Amino acid sequence: MAESAILVHDNERRWRVFRARVHALRSA
């Protein structure tokens, strides 16, 4: 259970970075 929680957290962090990058490209 701990491993899956870490995996979800890491995936969420990557998704946030990805969204921020897409938003920056759109704003540019």
PDB file of N, CA and C in Angstrom:
ATOM      1  N   MET A   1       0.833  -1.199   0.000  1.00  0.00           N
ATOM      2  CA  MET A   1       0.000   0.000   0.000  1.00  0.00           C
ATOM      3  C   MET A   1       0.870   1.253   0.000  1.00  0.00           C
ATOM      4  N   ALA A   2       1.949   1.204   0.751  1.00  0.00           N
ATOM      5  CA  ALA A   2       2.843   2.367   0.810  1.00  0.00           C
ATOM      6  C   ALA A   2       3.454   2.632  -0.568  1.00  0.00           C
ATOM      7  N   GLU A   3       3.818   1.557  -1.249  1.00  0.00           N
ATOM      8  CA  GLU A   3       4.436   1.722  -2.573  1.00  0.00           C
ATOM      9  C   GLU A   3       3.464   2.376  -3.548  1.00  0.00           C
ATOM     10  N   SER A   4       2.216   1.940  -3.534  1.00  0.00           N
ATOM     11  CA  SER A   4       1.232   2.516  -4.459  1.00  0.00           C
ATOM     12  C   SER A   4       0.989   3.985  -4.131  1.00  0.00           C
ATOM     13  N   ALA A   5       1.018   4.317  -2.834  1.00  0.00           N
ATOM     14  CA  ALA A   5       0.809   5.709  -2.432  1.00  0.00           C
ATOM     15  C   ALA A   5       1.939   6.583  -2.965  1.00  0.00           C
ATOM     16  N   ILE A   6       3.157   6.066  -2.881  1.00  0.00           N
ATOM     17  CA  ILE A   6       4.314   6.818  -3.390  1.00  0.00           C
ATOM     18  C   ILE A   6       4.198   6.956  -4.908  1.00  0.00           C
ATOM     19  N   LEU A   7       3.763   5.888  -5.557  1.00  0.00           N
ATOM     20  CA  LEU A   7       3.640   5.907  -7.013  1.00  0.00           C
ATOM     21  C   LEU A   7       2.608   6.948  -7.439  1.00  0.00           C
ATOM     22  N   VAL A   8       1.484   6.986  -6.743  1.00  0.00           N
ATOM     23  CA  VAL A   8       0.436   7.956  -7.072  1.00  0.00           C
ATOM     24  C   VAL A   8       0.943   9.371  -6.850  1.00  0.00           C
ATOM     25  N   HIS A   9       1.670   9.565  -5.758  1.00  0.00           N
ATOM     26  CA  HIS A   9       2.188  10.905  -5.456  1.00  0.00           C
ATOM     27  C   HIS A   9       3.171  11.342  -6.537  1.00  0.00           C
ATOM     28  N   ASP A  10       4.048  10.442  -6.960  1.00  0.00           N
ATOM     29  CA  ASP A  10       5.032  10.781  -7.987  1.00  0.00           C
ATOM     30  C   ASP A  10       4.329  11.069  -9.312  1.00  0.00           C
ATOM     31  N   ASN A  11       3.309  10.279  -9.609  1.00  0.00           N
ATOM     32  CA  ASN A  11       2.573  10.479 -10.856  1.00  0.00           C
ATOM     33  C   ASN A  11       1.859  11.826 -10.836  1.00  0.00           C
ATOM     34  N   GLU A  12       1.304  12.181  -9.682  1.00  0.00           N
ATOM     35  CA  GLU A  12       0.602  13.466  -9.565  1.00  0.00           C
ATOM     36  C   GLU A  12       1.573  14.616  -9.736  1.00  0.00           C
ATOM     37  N   ARG A  13       2.776  14.454  -9.182  1.00  0.00           N
ATOM     38  CA  ARG A  13       3.782  15.518  -9.298  1.00  0.00           C
ATOM     39  C   ARG A  13       4.179  15.683 -10.759  1.00  0.00           C
ATOM     40  N   ARG A  14       4.366  14.578 -11.473  1.00  0.00           N
ATOM     41  CA  ARG A  14       4.748  14.669 -12.890  1.00  0.00           C
ATOM     42  C   ARG A  14       3.625  15.301 -13.699  1.00  0.00           C
ATOM     43  N   TRP A  15       2.375  14.954 -13.348  1.00  0.00           N
ATOM     44  CA  TRP A  15       1.230  15.493 -14.081  1.00  0.00           C
ATOM     45  C   TRP A  15       1.142  16.996 -13.895  1.00  0.00           C
ATOM     46  N   ARG A  16       1.447  17.471 -12.650  1.00  0.00           N
ATOM     47  CA  ARG A  16       1.415  18.911 -12.386  1.00  0.00           C
ATOM     48  C   ARG A  16       2.478  19.616 -13.216  1.00  0.00           C
ATOM     49  N   VAL A  17       3.657  19.032 -13.302  1.00  0.00           N
ATOM     50  CA  VAL A  17       4.743  19.640 -14.085  1.00  0.00           C
ATOM     51  C   VAL A  17       4.345  19.665 -15.561  1.00  0.00           C
ATOM     52  N   PHE A  18       3.729  18.578 -16.023  1.00  0.00           N
ATOM     53  CA  PHE A  18       3.308  18.498 -17.416  1.00  0.00           C
ATOM     54  C   PHE A  18       2.261  19.570 -17.730  1.00  0.00           C
ATOM     55  N   ARG A  19       1.273  19.725 -16.838  1.00  0.00           N
ATOM     56  CA  ARG A  19       0.235  20.738 -17.052  1.00  0.00           C
ATOM     57  C   ARG A  19       0.823  22.136 -17.046  1.00  0.00           C
ATOM     58  N   ALA A  20       1.777  22.375 -16.148  1.00  0.00           N
ATOM     59  CA  ALA A  20       2.407  23.697 -16.069  1.00  0.00           C
ATOM     60  C   ALA A  20       3.147  23.986 -17.368  1.00  0.00           C
ATOM     61  N   ARG A  21       3.792  22.960 -17.922  1.00  0.00           N
ATOM     62  CA  ARG A  21       4.547  23.136 -19.166  1.00  0.00           C
ATOM     63  C   ARG A  21       3.600  23.441 -20.322  1.00  0.00           C
ATOM     64  N   VAL A  22       2.495  22.717 -20.389  1.00  0.00           N
ATOM     65  CA  VAL A  22       1.520  22.939 -21.459  1.00  0.00           C
ATOM     66  C   VAL A  22       0.918  24.333 -21.334  1.00  0.00           C
ATOM     67  N   HIS A  23       0.618  24.733 -20.104  1.00  0.00           N
ATOM     68  CA  HIS A  23       0.046  26.064 -19.874  1.00  0.00           C
ATOM     69  C   HIS A  23       1.024  27.153 -20.309  1.00  0.00           C
ATOM     70  N   ALA A  24       2.301  26.939 -20.028  1.00  0.00           N
ATOM     71  CA  ALA A  24       3.318  27.922 -20.405  1.00  0.00           C
ATOM     72  C   ALA A  24       3.405  28.015 -21.933  1.00  0.00           C
ATOM     73  N   LEU A  25       3.323  26.870 -22.598  1.00  0.00           N
ATOM     74  CA  LEU A  25       3.400  26.882 -24.058  1.00  0.00           C
ATOM     75  C   LEU A  25       2.187  27.601 -24.648  1.00  0.00           C
ATOM     76  N   ARG A  26       1.020  27.400 -24.044  1.00  0.00           N
ATOM     77  CA  ARG A  26      -0.192  28.051 -24.543  1.00  0.00           C
ATOM     78  C   ARG A  26      -0.128  29.554 -24.312  1.00  0.00           C
ATOM     79  N   SER A  27       0.397  29.946 -23.177  1.00  0.00           N
ATOM     80  CA  SER A  27       0.462  31.375 -22.840  1.00  0.00           C
ATOM     81  C   SER A  27       1.480  32.097 -23.711  1.00  0.00           C
ATOM     82  N   ALA A  28       2.528  31.395 -24.117  1.00  0.00           N
ATOM     83  CA  ALA A  28       3.595  32.028 -24.891  1.00  0.00           C
ATOM     84  C   ALA A  28       3.046  32.547 -26.221  1.00  0.00           C
TER      85      ALA A  28
END
